[in-house]
Each structure stands twice: as structure tokens, then as C-alpha cells.
Amino acid sequence: MAKKQHKPSPKDRHFCDIAGKFKNNIYGTAKGKIREAVLKRDLDELLSQHFTDKALRILDVGGGQGQLALYLAKRGHHVTLLDVSEPMLELAKERAQNENLINEMSFIHAQLQDIPTLELGQFDLVLCHAVLEWIVEQQHALAILKNCLKPEGVLSLMYFNKAAQRLANMVYGNFDYVASGLKVKQKVGLSPNQPLESEQVEYWLDELSFKTMSKTGVRCFHDYLRELQKAEDQFDALLALELQYNRAEPYASIGRYTHLLLHA
């Protein structure tokens, strides 16, 4: 009798070995620039409307090379950058030193799941961007983030939107891939292994008593362009339209990423 084949359990994905790839393939592209611009716009408005004239204690979970951490440190806030990738942290430290921000920042080599053991205290603002889709125990991760917040704290959560992934692949004509539930035998290196359905995320957030302050789609148009070169050639026009429409439905729900600002 043949032995039953057991599928390997899903695992969290880390990026300790490809910091350079992230720098070139994500942050240096039109899609990375759109993502950064959208997040900065949303956070700027949060800081001006919710945290007026106050130096904040901020935790950036999975903050990678520190683009947003450095941006917030420049504004006078103290930012703790936590990442499981040591090469990513080294790049962030180097940038902080070059920009004379090293005293406004702390760097911790750890993963999100380690936070309860680190005794970091609580924060006014916690960032968790493009992390959740690489973690297997996503609901538990959200509970950890909730516990990091002060009573009036805010969570900035951005996750990979499975509905947008499904829609984009239908536009591309990848019908077999969509029919298989967006599962492939071999994962692409930078393709998230645990994309999230918004309805599931909303249920988990409701269970944790989070209140949604705002919802933004990230890359509502970019990923559906028939001619991707236009994203580079006409970037300013594309970015202006992304920023104009990405909080309005149906566009907010079809962004490749969903960015939520959540009140504890």
C-alpha cells in the first residue's frame, strides 16, 4: 500500500538573502514609487489631523531598508525599526547615519512574532506594511500588533489584496492560475505566499475591536495597464490619478495592496 503523501506546512517567508533584489526590483520601480508616495500622503494626513504637535514613539515592523522610518524620523519622531533581515537593517542603519538620524532611531533584528518577548513597551503609531502576506499565522500577528499600541494609538496596516491579484490575472488571461485558487507549484521569489481576502481581514480586525479610520488602494491603476512602459514614461500623470481616486470605490478595493489606518 502506497504511503499517503503529506503536503509540507506553509512557512513564513523571510528576505535575509535578497536585500539587493528588493532595492532594485521593488523600491526603484514605478510601482515602488507609487507605494511610497501613497503611504507618505496617508501618514502625513494622519500626523496632521490625529497627532498634532506631538513627537511620537513609532514602531515600524518589517520596515526593511527604512524608507518610511527615515521619513518619519526626519519629522522629529523616534522610530524603532524591526526587521528579520539583517542585511536590510544594515542598509537602513547606513542611510540613518548618512542623514544624521541615527540618534532618532533604534534598530532591532527580530521578526514580528518575537515582539511579545522584547519588552518594547507601547507605541503611538505602529507601521506594518507588506508583511502580513508573508506570515502564516496572520490573525495572531494582528493581535500582537494591537498589543503594541497605546490606548489612543493607530495601526498603519498595508496588505497584499488577493481580490486585486485575482482581477489582474484575469486581465492578463491567466485563467488556469485563477481557477487553481492562485496557487502554483513553485512560488515566484517576490510573490507573496499568503495573500489576504479583505473580508477575512475585516473580520479579524473587528474581532480585535479596531476601528477603521481610512482605506486606501495602493496601485489601483498601475497593475492593470496594457502598456506597462507608460508607468515609467508618464509616471507623474499616473501617480496624480492614483492619488486622486485611490480612496474612492471601486478603486480602493482593487488596489494591489490595501492600506488601512486603524484606531485601537
C-alpha atoms as a PDB file:
ATOM      1  CA  MET A   1       0.000   0.000   0.000  1.00  0.00           C
ATOM      2  CA  ALA A   2       1.440   3.353  -1.042  1.00  0.00           C
ATOM      3  CA  LYS A   3       2.190   5.818   1.709  1.00  0.00           C
ATOM      4  CA  LYS A   4      -0.024   8.857   1.858  1.00  0.00           C
ATOM      5  CA  GLN A   5       1.726  11.992   0.639  1.00  0.00           C
ATOM      6  CA  HIS A   6       1.676  14.820   3.153  1.00  0.00           C
ATOM      7  CA  LYS A   7       1.893  18.370   1.894  1.00  0.00           C
ATOM      8  CA  PRO A   8       4.517  20.443   3.685  1.00  0.00           C
ATOM      9  CA  SER A   9       3.087  23.005   6.087  1.00  0.00           C
ATOM     10  CA  PRO A  10       3.220  26.595   4.853  1.00  0.00           C
ATOM     11  CA  LYS A  11       6.066  28.639   6.260  1.00  0.00           C
ATOM     12  CA  ASP A  12       6.714  32.309   6.863  1.00  0.00           C
ATOM     13  CA  ARG A  13       8.871  33.916   4.176  1.00  0.00           C
ATOM     14  CA  HIS A  14      11.941  35.979   5.079  1.00  0.00           C
ATOM     15  CA  PHE A  15      14.214  38.117   2.897  1.00  0.00           C
ATOM     16  CA  CYS A  16      17.590  37.871   4.564  1.00  0.00           C
ATOM     17  CA  ASP A  17      19.211  36.811   1.285  1.00  0.00           C
ATOM     18  CA  ILE A  18      17.737  39.252  -1.230  1.00  0.00           C
ATOM     19  CA  ALA A  19      18.034  42.777   0.209  1.00  0.00           C
ATOM     20  CA  GLY A  20      19.647  43.959  -3.026  1.00  0.00           C
ATOM     21  CA  LYS A  21      16.846  42.460  -5.102  1.00  0.00           C
ATOM     22  CA  PHE A  22      14.281  44.398  -3.083  1.00  0.00           C
ATOM     23  CA  LYS A  23      16.264  47.589  -3.564  1.00  0.00           C
ATOM     24  CA  ASN A  24      16.332  47.179  -7.346  1.00  0.00           C
ATOM     25  CA  ASN A  25      13.079  45.340  -8.151  1.00  0.00           C
ATOM     26  CA  ILE A  26      10.687  46.976  -5.699  1.00  0.00           C
ATOM     27  CA  TYR A  27      11.856  50.306  -4.324  1.00  0.00           C
ATOM     28  CA  GLY A  28      13.473  51.568  -7.515  1.00  0.00           C
ATOM     29  CA  THR A  29      10.494  50.992  -9.816  1.00  0.00           C
ATOM     30  CA  ALA A  30       7.338  52.926 -10.665  1.00  0.00           C
ATOM     31  CA  LYS A  31       5.255  50.562  -8.546  1.00  0.00           C
ATOM     32  CA  GLY A  32       7.560  51.102  -5.567  1.00  0.00           C
ATOM     33  CA  LYS A  33       7.470  54.866  -6.010  1.00  0.00           C
ATOM     34  CA  ILE A  34       3.661  54.820  -6.135  1.00  0.00           C
ATOM     35  CA  ARG A  35       3.507  52.736  -2.976  1.00  0.00           C
ATOM     36  CA  GLU A  36       5.858  55.061  -1.123  1.00  0.00           C
ATOM     37  CA  ALA A  37       4.026  58.192  -2.282  1.00  0.00           C
ATOM     38  CA  VAL A  38       0.620  56.819  -1.246  1.00  0.00           C
ATOM     39  CA  LEU A  39       1.830  55.776   2.194  1.00  0.00           C
ATOM     40  CA  LYS A  40       3.539  59.114   2.803  1.00  0.00           C
ATOM     41  CA  ARG A  41       0.385  61.003   1.786  1.00  0.00           C
ATOM     42  CA  ASP A  42      -1.781  58.900   4.119  1.00  0.00           C
ATOM     43  CA  LEU A  43       0.659  59.173   7.029  1.00  0.00           C
ATOM     44  CA  ASP A  44       1.150  62.923   6.550  1.00  0.00           C
ATOM     45  CA  GLU A  45      -2.588  63.441   6.848  1.00  0.00           C
ATOM     46  CA  LEU A  46      -2.765  61.174   9.901  1.00  0.00           C
ATOM     47  CA  LEU A  47       0.004  63.084  11.663  1.00  0.00           C
ATOM     48  CA  SER A  48      -1.504  66.491  10.905  1.00  0.00           C
ATOM     49  CA  GLN A  49      -5.049  65.540  11.858  1.00  0.00           C
ATOM     50  CA  HIS A  50      -4.697  62.967  14.648  1.00  0.00           C
ATOM     51  CA  PHE A  51      -1.308  63.671  16.245  1.00  0.00           C
ATOM     52  CA  THR A  52      -0.913  67.450  16.225  1.00  0.00           C
ATOM     53  CA  ASP A  53       2.323  68.994  17.556  1.00  0.00           C
ATOM     54  CA  LYS A  54       3.457  65.808  19.252  1.00  0.00           C
ATOM     55  CA  ALA A  55       6.673  63.825  18.974  1.00  0.00           C
ATOM     56  CA  LEU A  56       5.593  60.211  18.583  1.00  0.00           C
ATOM     57  CA  ARG A  57       7.006  56.876  19.558  1.00  0.00           C
ATOM     58  CA  ILE A  58       6.729  54.799  16.372  1.00  0.00           C
ATOM     59  CA  LEU A  59       7.348  51.113  15.640  1.00  0.00           C
ATOM     60  CA  ASP A  60       7.982  50.058  12.035  1.00  0.00           C
ATOM     61  CA  VAL A  61       7.527  46.274  11.835  1.00  0.00           C
ATOM     62  CA  GLY A  62       9.238  44.721   8.840  1.00  0.00           C
ATOM     63  CA  GLY A  63      10.381  48.181   7.781  1.00  0.00           C
ATOM     64  CA  GLY A  64      13.158  46.814   5.597  1.00  0.00           C
ATOM     65  CA  GLN A  65      15.568  49.439   4.323  1.00  0.00           C
ATOM     66  CA  GLY A  66      13.820  52.164   6.297  1.00  0.00           C
ATOM     67  CA  GLN A  67      12.269  54.444   3.682  1.00  0.00           C
ATOM     68  CA  LEU A  68       9.288  55.361   5.854  1.00  0.00           C
ATOM     69  CA  ALA A  69      11.162  55.069   9.144  1.00  0.00           C
ATOM     70  CA  LEU A  70      13.692  57.663   7.970  1.00  0.00           C
ATOM     71  CA  TYR A  71      10.919  59.873   6.617  1.00  0.00           C
ATOM     72  CA  LEU A  72       9.166  59.888   9.997  1.00  0.00           C
ATOM     73  CA  ALA A  73      12.405  60.326  11.958  1.00  0.00           C
ATOM     74  CA  LYS A  74      13.122  63.450   9.889  1.00  0.00           C
ATOM     75  CA  ARG A  75       9.835  64.845  11.158  1.00  0.00           C
ATOM     76  CA  GLY A  76      11.046  64.652  14.754  1.00  0.00           C
ATOM     77  CA  HIS A  77       9.623  61.298  15.836  1.00  0.00           C
ATOM     78  CA  HIS A  78      11.556  58.428  17.386  1.00  0.00           C
ATOM     79  CA  VAL A  79      11.256  55.332  15.221  1.00  0.00           C
ATOM     80  CA  THR A  80      12.102  51.771  16.178  1.00  0.00           C
ATOM     81  CA  LEU A  81      12.753  49.740  13.032  1.00  0.00           C
ATOM     82  CA  LEU A  82      12.293  45.993  13.460  1.00  0.00           C
ATOM     83  CA  ASP A  83      13.134  43.537  10.691  1.00  0.00           C
ATOM     84  CA  VAL A  84      14.100  39.872  10.447  1.00  0.00           C
ATOM     85  CA  SER A  85      16.580  40.616   7.645  1.00  0.00           C
ATOM     86  CA  GLU A  86      19.951  41.742   8.977  1.00  0.00           C
ATOM     87  CA  PRO A  87      21.149  42.973   5.542  1.00  0.00           C
ATOM     88  CA  MET A  88      18.020  45.140   5.283  1.00  0.00           C
ATOM     89  CA  LEU A  89      18.680  46.599   8.751  1.00  0.00           C
ATOM     90  CA  GLU A  90      22.289  47.341   7.844  1.00  0.00           C
ATOM     91  CA  LEU A  91      21.153  49.275   4.788  1.00  0.00           C
ATOM     92  CA  ALA A  92      18.693  51.233   6.957  1.00  0.00           C
ATOM     93  CA  LYS A  93      21.406  51.989   9.555  1.00  0.00           C
ATOM     94  CA  GLU A  94      23.758  53.193   6.851  1.00  0.00           C
ATOM     95  CA  ARG A  95      21.121  55.556   5.497  1.00  0.00           C
ATOM     96  CA  ALA A  96      20.305  56.811   9.012  1.00  0.00           C
ATOM     97  CA  GLN A  97      23.981  57.581   9.634  1.00  0.00           C
ATOM     98  CA  ASN A  98      24.344  59.352   6.296  1.00  0.00           C
ATOM     99  CA  GLU A  99      21.305  61.510   7.062  1.00  0.00           C
ATOM    100  CA  ASN A 100      22.325  62.212  10.696  1.00  0.00           C
ATOM    101  CA  LEU A 101      19.243  60.420  12.052  1.00  0.00           C
ATOM    102  CA  ILE A 102      20.924  57.608  13.946  1.00  0.00           C
ATOM    103  CA  ASN A 103      20.001  59.115  17.348  1.00  0.00           C
ATOM    104  CA  GLU A 104      16.336  59.334  16.369  1.00  0.00           C
ATOM    105  CA  MET A 105      16.125  55.651  15.509  1.00  0.00           C
ATOM    106  CA  SER A 106      16.530  52.218  17.087  1.00  0.00           C
ATOM    107  CA  PHE A 107      17.171  49.024  15.140  1.00  0.00           C
ATOM    108  CA  ILE A 108      16.063  45.553  16.222  1.00  0.00           C
ATOM    109  CA  HIS A 109      16.914  42.323  14.415  1.00  0.00           C
ATOM    110  CA  ALA A 110      13.799  40.224  15.052  1.00  0.00           C
ATOM    111  CA  GLN A 111      10.573  39.057  13.475  1.00  0.00           C
ATOM    112  CA  LEU A 112       7.058  40.188  14.255  1.00  0.00           C
ATOM    113  CA  GLN A 113       6.353  37.054  16.276  1.00  0.00           C
ATOM    114  CA  ASP A 114       9.240  37.921  18.639  1.00  0.00           C
ATOM    115  CA  ILE A 115       7.705  41.213  19.746  1.00  0.00           C
ATOM    116  CA  PRO A 116       5.926  39.891  22.884  1.00  0.00           C
ATOM    117  CA  THR A 117       9.307  38.785  24.295  1.00  0.00           C
ATOM    118  CA  LEU A 118      11.190  42.016  23.548  1.00  0.00           C
ATOM    119  CA  GLU A 119       9.575  44.295  26.163  1.00  0.00           C
ATOM    120  CA  LEU A 120       9.416  47.260  23.804  1.00  0.00           C
ATOM    121  CA  GLY A 121       6.531  48.962  25.569  1.00  0.00           C
ATOM    122  CA  GLN A 122       3.689  50.608  23.674  1.00  0.00           C
ATOM    123  CA  PHE A 123       3.703  52.994  20.747  1.00  0.00           C
ATOM    124  CA  ASP A 124       1.628  55.883  19.432  1.00  0.00           C
ATOM    125  CA  LEU A 125       1.883  54.569  15.873  1.00  0.00           C
ATOM    126  CA  VAL A 126       2.719  51.100  14.550  1.00  0.00           C
ATOM    127  CA  LEU A 127       3.501  50.502  10.882  1.00  0.00           C
ATOM    128  CA  CYS A 128       3.130  47.056   9.333  1.00  0.00           C
ATOM    129  CA  HIS A 129       3.398  47.295   5.563  1.00  0.00           C
ATOM    130  CA  ALA A 130       3.635  44.336   3.170  1.00  0.00           C
ATOM    131  CA  VAL A 131       4.407  41.920   5.997  1.00  0.00           C
ATOM    132  CA  LEU A 132       1.167  40.110   6.773  1.00  0.00           C
ATOM    133  CA  GLU A 133       1.032  38.315   3.405  1.00  0.00           C
ATOM    134  CA  TRP A 134       4.310  36.524   4.193  1.00  0.00           C
ATOM    135  CA  ILE A 135       3.144  35.219   7.591  1.00  0.00           C
ATOM    136  CA  VAL A 136       1.211  32.005   8.154  1.00  0.00           C
ATOM    137  CA  GLU A 137      -0.474  32.918  11.474  1.00  0.00           C
ATOM    138  CA  GLN A 138      -1.910  36.215  10.307  1.00  0.00           C
ATOM    139  CA  GLN A 139      -4.657  36.631  12.883  1.00  0.00           C
ATOM    140  CA  HIS A 140      -2.155  36.092  15.694  1.00  0.00           C
ATOM    141  CA  ALA A 141       0.154  38.659  14.094  1.00  0.00           C
ATOM    142  CA  LEU A 142      -2.634  41.257  14.172  1.00  0.00           C
ATOM    143  CA  ALA A 143      -3.214  40.564  17.871  1.00  0.00           C
ATOM    144  CA  ILE A 144       0.494  41.147  18.547  1.00  0.00           C
ATOM    145  CA  LEU A 145       0.345  44.479  16.711  1.00  0.00           C
ATOM    146  CA  LYS A 146      -2.735  45.515  18.679  1.00  0.00           C
ATOM    147  CA  ASN A 147      -0.890  44.903  21.947  1.00  0.00           C
ATOM    148  CA  CYS A 148       1.919  47.213  20.807  1.00  0.00           C
ATOM    149  CA  LEU A 149      -0.416  50.215  20.687  1.00  0.00           C
ATOM    150  CA  LYS A 150      -1.121  52.782  23.355  1.00  0.00           C
ATOM    151  CA  PRO A 151      -4.838  53.243  24.166  1.00  0.00           C
ATOM    152  CA  GLU A 152      -5.116  56.070  21.605  1.00  0.00           C
ATOM    153  CA  GLY A 153      -2.630  54.505  19.208  1.00  0.00           C
ATOM    154  CA  VAL A 154      -3.002  53.914  15.482  1.00  0.00           C
ATOM    155  CA  LEU A 155      -2.018  50.938  13.327  1.00  0.00           C
ATOM    156  CA  SER A 156      -0.989  51.593   9.730  1.00  0.00           C
ATOM    157  CA  LEU A 157      -1.593  48.242   8.028  1.00  0.00           C
ATOM    158  CA  MET A 158      -0.918  47.504   4.373  1.00  0.00           C
ATOM    159  CA  TYR A 159      -1.512  44.031   2.971  1.00  0.00           C
ATOM    160  CA  PHE A 160      -1.443  42.268  -0.409  1.00  0.00           C
ATOM    161  CA  ASN A 161      -5.006  42.188  -1.735  1.00  0.00           C
ATOM    162  CA  LYS A 162      -5.970  38.766  -3.087  1.00  0.00           C
ATOM    163  CA  ALA A 163      -9.013  40.136  -4.938  1.00  0.00           C
ATOM    164  CA  ALA A 164      -6.755  42.502  -6.887  1.00  0.00           C
ATOM    165  CA  GLN A 165      -4.339  39.658  -7.591  1.00  0.00           C
ATOM    166  CA  ARG A 166      -7.256  37.627  -8.955  1.00  0.00           C
ATOM    167  CA  LEU A 167      -8.538  40.529 -11.090  1.00  0.00           C
ATOM    168  CA  ALA A 168      -5.109  41.319 -12.527  1.00  0.00           C
ATOM    169  CA  ASN A 169      -4.549  37.707 -13.531  1.00  0.00           C
ATOM    170  CA  MET A 170      -7.933  37.614 -15.257  1.00  0.00           C
ATOM    171  CA  VAL A 171      -6.936  40.750 -17.180  1.00  0.00           C
ATOM    172  CA  TYR A 172      -3.676  39.016 -18.141  1.00  0.00           C
ATOM    173  CA  GLY A 173      -5.629  35.950 -19.276  1.00  0.00           C
ATOM    174  CA  ASN A 174      -4.132  33.593 -16.677  1.00  0.00           C
ATOM    175  CA  PHE A 175      -7.371  31.624 -16.350  1.00  0.00           C
ATOM    176  CA  ASP A 176      -5.784  28.356 -15.163  1.00  0.00           C
ATOM    177  CA  TYR A 177      -3.947  30.195 -12.406  1.00  0.00           C
ATOM    178  CA  VAL A 178      -7.142  31.875 -11.215  1.00  0.00           C
ATOM    179  CA  ALA A 179      -9.058  28.566 -11.409  1.00  0.00           C
ATOM    180  CA  SER A 180      -6.391  26.929  -9.220  1.00  0.00           C
ATOM    181  CA  GLY A 181      -7.035  29.485  -6.493  1.00  0.00           C
ATOM    182  CA  LEU A 182      -3.916  31.499  -7.394  1.00  0.00           C
ATOM    183  CA  LYS A 183      -1.705  28.615  -6.387  1.00  0.00           C
ATOM    184  CA  VAL A 184       1.379  27.465  -8.274  1.00  0.00           C
ATOM    185  CA  LYS A 185       3.774  24.592  -7.645  1.00  0.00           C
ATOM    186  CA  GLN A 186       6.773  26.904  -7.417  1.00  0.00           C
ATOM    187  CA  LYS A 187       6.476  30.353  -5.932  1.00  0.00           C
ATOM    188  CA  VAL A 188       7.975  33.375  -7.628  1.00  0.00           C
ATOM    189  CA  GLY A 189      10.619  34.931  -5.352  1.00  0.00           C
ATOM    190  CA  LEU A 190       8.801  38.185  -4.604  1.00  0.00           C
ATOM    191  CA  SER A 191       5.242  36.869  -4.982  1.00  0.00           C
ATOM    192  CA  PRO A 192       3.520  36.808  -1.555  1.00  0.00           C
ATOM    193  CA  ASN A 193       2.692  33.289  -0.388  1.00  0.00           C
ATOM    194  CA  GLN A 194      -0.262  34.254   1.848  1.00  0.00           C
ATOM    195  CA  PRO A 195      -2.325  36.969   0.053  1.00  0.00           C
ATOM    196  CA  LEU A 196      -5.343  38.158   2.013  1.00  0.00           C
ATOM    197  CA  GLU A 197      -9.045  38.422   1.288  1.00  0.00           C
ATOM    198  CA  SER A 198     -10.301  41.780   2.546  1.00  0.00           C
ATOM    199  CA  GLU A 199     -13.405  40.218   4.107  1.00  0.00           C
ATOM    200  CA  GLN A 200     -11.203  37.983   6.260  1.00  0.00           C
ATOM    201  CA  VAL A 201      -9.008  40.867   7.338  1.00  0.00           C
ATOM    202  CA  GLU A 202     -12.054  42.950   8.226  1.00  0.00           C
ATOM    203  CA  TYR A 203     -13.428  40.106  10.333  1.00  0.00           C
ATOM    204  CA  TRP A 204     -10.155  39.732  12.249  1.00  0.00           C
ATOM    205  CA  LEU A 205      -9.903  43.486  12.818  1.00  0.00           C
ATOM    206  CA  ASP A 206     -13.475  43.598  14.107  1.00  0.00           C
ATOM    207  CA  GLU A 207     -12.654  40.737  16.490  1.00  0.00           C
ATOM    208  CA  LEU A 208      -9.800  42.854  17.848  1.00  0.00           C
ATOM    209  CA  SER A 209     -12.094  45.924  18.180  1.00  0.00           C
ATOM    210  CA  PHE A 210     -10.154  48.021  15.679  1.00  0.00           C
ATOM    211  CA  LYS A 211     -11.961  50.996  14.147  1.00  0.00           C
ATOM    212  CA  THR A 212     -11.154  51.859  10.540  1.00  0.00           C
ATOM    213  CA  MET A 213     -10.143  55.493  10.071  1.00  0.00           C
ATOM    214  CA  SER A 214      -9.386  55.278   6.351  1.00  0.00           C
ATOM    215  CA  LYS A 215      -8.989  52.797   3.498  1.00  0.00           C
ATOM    216  CA  THR A 216      -6.740  53.378   0.504  1.00  0.00           C
ATOM    217  CA  GLY A 217      -5.952  51.258  -2.520  1.00  0.00           C
ATOM    218  CA  VAL A 218      -2.282  51.141  -3.480  1.00  0.00           C
ATOM    219  CA  ARG A 219      -1.678  50.760  -7.218  1.00  0.00           C
ATOM    220  CA  CYS A 220      -5.306  50.866  -8.308  1.00  0.00           C
ATOM    221  CA  PHE A 221      -4.390  51.538 -11.939  1.00  0.00           C
ATOM    222  CA  HIS A 222      -0.719  50.684 -12.408  1.00  0.00           C
ATOM    223  CA  ASP A 223      -1.146  46.926 -12.326  1.00  0.00           C
ATOM    224  CA  TYR A 224      -3.888  46.935 -14.959  1.00  0.00           C
ATOM    225  CA  LEU A 225      -2.051  48.978 -17.591  1.00  0.00           C
ATOM    226  CA  ARG A 226      -1.940  47.308 -21.006  1.00  0.00           C
ATOM    227  CA  GLU A 227       1.308  49.108 -21.766  1.00  0.00           C
ATOM    228  CA  LEU A 228       3.465  48.949 -18.626  1.00  0.00           C
ATOM    229  CA  GLN A 229       6.089  51.232 -20.149  1.00  0.00           C
ATOM    230  CA  LYS A 230       3.607  54.083 -19.719  1.00  0.00           C
ATOM    231  CA  ALA A 231       4.079  53.751 -15.963  1.00  0.00           C
ATOM    232  CA  GLU A 232       7.667  54.906 -16.460  1.00  0.00           C
ATOM    233  CA  ASP A 233       7.145  57.296 -19.378  1.00  0.00           C
ATOM    234  CA  GLN A 234       4.142  59.097 -17.859  1.00  0.00           C
ATOM    235  CA  PHE A 235       4.779  58.458 -14.172  1.00  0.00           C
ATOM    236  CA  ASP A 236       3.682  61.872 -12.864  1.00  0.00           C
ATOM    237  CA  ALA A 237       0.328  61.649 -14.629  1.00  0.00           C
ATOM    238  CA  LEU A 238      -0.222  58.107 -13.369  1.00  0.00           C
ATOM    239  CA  LEU A 239       0.693  58.999  -9.777  1.00  0.00           C
ATOM    240  CA  ALA A 240      -1.634  62.013  -9.797  1.00  0.00           C
ATOM    241  CA  LEU A 241      -4.564  59.815 -10.833  1.00  0.00           C
ATOM    242  CA  GLU A 242      -3.666  57.102  -8.322  1.00  0.00           C
ATOM    243  CA  LEU A 243      -3.718  59.691  -5.534  1.00  0.00           C
ATOM    244  CA  GLN A 244      -6.939  61.258  -6.806  1.00  0.00           C
ATOM    245  CA  TYR A 245      -9.010  58.071  -6.947  1.00  0.00           C
ATOM    246  CA  ASN A 246      -7.448  55.546  -4.566  1.00  0.00           C
ATOM    247  CA  ARG A 247      -9.776  56.259  -1.647  1.00  0.00           C
ATOM    248  CA  ALA A 248     -12.948  56.127  -3.742  1.00  0.00           C
ATOM    249  CA  GLU A 249     -14.768  52.910  -4.558  1.00  0.00           C
ATOM    250  CA  PRO A 250     -14.496  50.739  -6.530  1.00  0.00           C
ATOM    251  CA  TYR A 251     -10.838  51.716  -6.922  1.00  0.00           C
ATOM    252  CA  ALA A 252      -9.944  51.491  -3.220  1.00  0.00           C
ATOM    253  CA  SER A 253     -10.887  47.808  -3.252  1.00  0.00           C
ATOM    254  CA  ILE A 254      -8.947  46.835  -6.380  1.00  0.00           C
ATOM    255  CA  GLY A 255      -5.553  48.244  -5.467  1.00  0.00           C
ATOM    256  CA  ARG A 256      -2.849  45.588  -5.452  1.00  0.00           C
ATOM    257  CA  TYR A 257      -2.340  46.496  -1.804  1.00  0.00           C
ATOM    258  CA  THR A 258      -4.871  47.784   0.703  1.00  0.00           C
ATOM    259  CA  HIS A 259      -3.726  50.402   3.225  1.00  0.00           C
ATOM    260  CA  LEU A 260      -5.797  50.797   6.382  1.00  0.00           C
ATOM    261  CA  LEU A 261      -5.372  53.285   9.208  1.00  0.00           C
ATOM    262  CA  LEU A 262      -6.875  51.705  12.301  1.00  0.00           C
ATOM    263  CA  HIS A 263      -7.697  53.174  15.697  1.00  0.00           C
ATOM    264  CA  ALA A 264      -7.006  50.927  18.670  1.00  0.00           C
END
